[in-house]
Amino acid sequence: TYAMKLRLLAEAAADYYDVPLEKLKGRCRKAIYTKPRHICQWAAVQANYKKSIVARFWELNHASVIYGCKIVDNTIETNSKYKEEIHDFLAYLREYIKENE
């Protein structure tokens, strides 16, 4: 189901970015949590999950997911190091899902 896949995505991000899953899914606005949270939302939307489904998983409204995706898209366009980081995370995510599915 979508919730299981989104949970795997969140777990992979928590592991990759070395942050507790509870903090990643929480409301804390510190950059160490918001950056991977936005990347997770962006990755889910890129994988064709509806923004409303992603929002429900993260306990947000869909406008927050749109904002998170916009932040990631804009940063990818302007920061090549960030773009490379996203690429590395997505490779890590693919392996993580293979191992844990």
C-alpha atoms as a PDB file:
ATOM      1  CA  THR A   1       0.000   0.000   0.000  1.00  0.00           C
ATOM      2  CA  TYR A   2       0.997   3.629  -0.365  1.00  0.00           C
ATOM      3  CA  ALA A   3       1.562   4.043   3.382  1.00  0.00           C
ATOM      4  CA  MET A   4       4.100   1.203   3.453  1.00  0.00           C
ATOM      5  CA  LYS A   5       6.053   2.657   0.526  1.00  0.00           C
ATOM      6  CA  LEU A   6       5.991   6.154   1.987  1.00  0.00           C
ATOM      7  CA  ARG A   7       7.130   4.767   5.337  1.00  0.00           C
ATOM      8  CA  LEU A   8      10.059   3.040   3.600  1.00  0.00           C
ATOM      9  CA  LEU A   9      10.914   6.363   1.951  1.00  0.00           C
ATOM     10  CA  ALA A  10      10.822   8.139   5.331  1.00  0.00           C
ATOM     11  CA  GLU A  11      12.893   5.396   6.999  1.00  0.00           C
ATOM     12  CA  ALA A  12      15.487   5.577   4.221  1.00  0.00           C
ATOM     13  CA  ALA A  13      15.725   9.358   4.601  1.00  0.00           C
ATOM     14  CA  ALA A  14      16.031   9.092   8.380  1.00  0.00           C
ATOM     15  CA  ASP A  15      18.843   6.589   7.916  1.00  0.00           C
ATOM     16  CA  TYR A  16      20.578   8.503   5.092  1.00  0.00           C
ATOM     17  CA  TYR A  17      20.409  11.877   6.869  1.00  0.00           C
ATOM     18  CA  ASP A  18      21.026  10.330  10.308  1.00  0.00           C
ATOM     19  CA  VAL A  19      17.950  11.817  11.979  1.00  0.00           C
ATOM     20  CA  PRO A  20      15.333  10.049  14.119  1.00  0.00           C
ATOM     21  CA  LEU A  21      12.217   9.064  12.170  1.00  0.00           C
ATOM     22  CA  GLU A  22       9.984  10.664  14.840  1.00  0.00           C
ATOM     23  CA  LYS A  23      11.739  14.014  14.340  1.00  0.00           C
ATOM     24  CA  LEU A  24      11.593  13.659  10.562  1.00  0.00           C
ATOM     25  CA  LYS A  25       7.836  13.059  10.721  1.00  0.00           C
ATOM     26  CA  GLY A  26       7.375  15.668  13.446  1.00  0.00           C
ATOM     27  CA  ARG A  27       6.693  19.368  13.259  1.00  0.00           C
ATOM     28  CA  CYS A  28      10.197  20.637  14.084  1.00  0.00           C
ATOM     29  CA  ARG A  29      11.305  23.351  11.658  1.00  0.00           C
ATOM     30  CA  LYS A  30      15.043  22.905  12.100  1.00  0.00           C
ATOM     31  CA  ALA A  31      16.810  22.543   8.743  1.00  0.00           C
ATOM     32  CA  ILE A  32      18.276  19.150   9.677  1.00  0.00           C
ATOM     33  CA  TYR A  33      14.681  17.838   9.683  1.00  0.00           C
ATOM     34  CA  THR A  34      12.934  20.016   7.106  1.00  0.00           C
ATOM     35  CA  LYS A  35      15.484  19.338   4.353  1.00  0.00           C
ATOM     36  CA  PRO A  36      15.066  15.539   4.344  1.00  0.00           C
ATOM     37  CA  ARG A  37      11.312  15.926   4.966  1.00  0.00           C
ATOM     38  CA  HIS A  38      10.973  18.128   1.859  1.00  0.00           C
ATOM     39  CA  ILE A  39      13.144  15.749  -0.148  1.00  0.00           C
ATOM     40  CA  CYS A  40      10.894  12.837   0.871  1.00  0.00           C
ATOM     41  CA  GLN A  41       7.791  14.751  -0.168  1.00  0.00           C
ATOM     42  CA  TRP A  42       9.418  15.709  -3.462  1.00  0.00           C
ATOM     43  CA  ALA A  43      10.546  12.119  -4.135  1.00  0.00           C
ATOM     44  CA  ALA A  44       7.039  10.801  -3.451  1.00  0.00           C
ATOM     45  CA  VAL A  45       5.475  13.341  -5.809  1.00  0.00           C
ATOM     46  CA  GLN A  46       8.114  12.482  -8.442  1.00  0.00           C
ATOM     47  CA  ALA A  47       7.042   8.844  -8.024  1.00  0.00           C
ATOM     48  CA  ASN A  48       3.492   9.927  -8.962  1.00  0.00           C
ATOM     49  CA  TYR A  49       1.934   9.877  -5.504  1.00  0.00           C
ATOM     50  CA  LYS A  50      -0.851  12.424  -5.205  1.00  0.00           C
ATOM     51  CA  LYS A  51       0.097  15.409  -3.089  1.00  0.00           C
ATOM     52  CA  SER A  52      -2.958  14.779  -0.891  1.00  0.00           C
ATOM     53  CA  ILE A  53      -1.754  11.221  -0.172  1.00  0.00           C
ATOM     54  CA  VAL A  54       1.758  12.466   0.627  1.00  0.00           C
ATOM     55  CA  ALA A  55       0.279  15.157   2.864  1.00  0.00           C
ATOM     56  CA  ARG A  56      -1.840  12.620   4.726  1.00  0.00           C
ATOM     57  CA  PHE A  57       1.200  10.440   5.408  1.00  0.00           C
ATOM     58  CA  TRP A  58       3.198  13.399   6.749  1.00  0.00           C
ATOM     59  CA  GLU A  59       0.149  14.762   8.619  1.00  0.00           C
ATOM     60  CA  LEU A  60       0.266  18.015   6.653  1.00  0.00           C
ATOM     61  CA  ASN A  61      -2.039  19.830   4.281  1.00  0.00           C
ATOM     62  CA  HIS A  62      -1.346  19.513   0.574  1.00  0.00           C
ATOM     63  CA  ALA A  63      -0.168  23.139   0.364  1.00  0.00           C
ATOM     64  CA  SER A  64       2.745  22.237   2.654  1.00  0.00           C
ATOM     65  CA  VAL A  65       3.701  19.423   0.293  1.00  0.00           C
ATOM     66  CA  ILE A  66       3.520  21.803  -2.685  1.00  0.00           C
ATOM     67  CA  TYR A  67       5.787  24.216  -0.778  1.00  0.00           C
ATOM     68  CA  GLY A  68       8.280  21.448   0.088  1.00  0.00           C
ATOM     69  CA  CYS A  69       8.422  20.289  -3.531  1.00  0.00           C
ATOM     70  CA  LYS A  70       8.914  23.864  -4.723  1.00  0.00           C
ATOM     71  CA  ILE A  71      11.823  24.331  -2.308  1.00  0.00           C
ATOM     72  CA  VAL A  72      13.518  21.167  -3.590  1.00  0.00           C
ATOM     73  CA  ASP A  73      12.905  22.022  -7.273  1.00  0.00           C
ATOM     74  CA  ASN A  74      14.262  25.554  -6.845  1.00  0.00           C
ATOM     75  CA  THR A  75      17.321  24.385  -4.936  1.00  0.00           C
ATOM     76  CA  ILE A  76      18.086  21.680  -7.510  1.00  0.00           C
ATOM     77  CA  GLU A  77      18.065  24.365 -10.227  1.00  0.00           C
ATOM     78  CA  THR A  78      20.412  26.699  -8.384  1.00  0.00           C
ATOM     79  CA  ASN A  79      22.732  24.388  -6.451  1.00  0.00           C
ATOM     80  CA  SER A  80      24.646  21.630  -8.229  1.00  0.00           C
ATOM     81  CA  LYS A  81      25.905  20.156  -4.937  1.00  0.00           C
ATOM     82  CA  TYR A  82      22.303  19.793  -3.737  1.00  0.00           C
ATOM     83  CA  LYS A  83      21.332  18.209  -7.054  1.00  0.00           C
ATOM     84  CA  GLU A  84      24.146  15.683  -6.605  1.00  0.00           C
ATOM     85  CA  GLU A  85      22.978  15.016  -3.038  1.00  0.00           C
ATOM     86  CA  ILE A  86      19.450  14.292  -4.301  1.00  0.00           C
ATOM     87  CA  HIS A  87      20.882  11.937  -6.915  1.00  0.00           C
ATOM     88  CA  ASP A  88      22.888  10.102  -4.229  1.00  0.00           C
ATOM     89  CA  PHE A  89      19.880   9.891  -1.925  1.00  0.00           C
ATOM     90  CA  LEU A  90      17.672   8.461  -4.687  1.00  0.00           C
ATOM     91  CA  ALA A  91      20.314   5.788  -5.400  1.00  0.00           C
ATOM     92  CA  TYR A  92      20.423   5.004  -1.673  1.00  0.00           C
ATOM     93  CA  LEU A  93      16.623   4.899  -1.578  1.00  0.00           C
ATOM     94  CA  ARG A  94      16.430   2.373  -4.425  1.00  0.00           C
ATOM     95  CA  GLU A  95      18.834   0.055  -2.588  1.00  0.00           C
ATOM     96  CA  TYR A  96      17.046   0.583   0.717  1.00  0.00           C
ATOM     97  CA  ILE A  97      13.686  -0.357  -0.793  1.00  0.00           C
ATOM     98  CA  LYS A  98      15.156  -3.474  -2.454  1.00  0.00           C
ATOM     99  CA  GLU A  99      16.563  -4.630   0.898  1.00  0.00           C
ATOM    100  CA  ASN A 100      13.508  -3.809   3.025  1.00  0.00           C
ATOM    101  CA  GLU A 101      10.494  -4.440   0.828  1.00  0.00           C
END
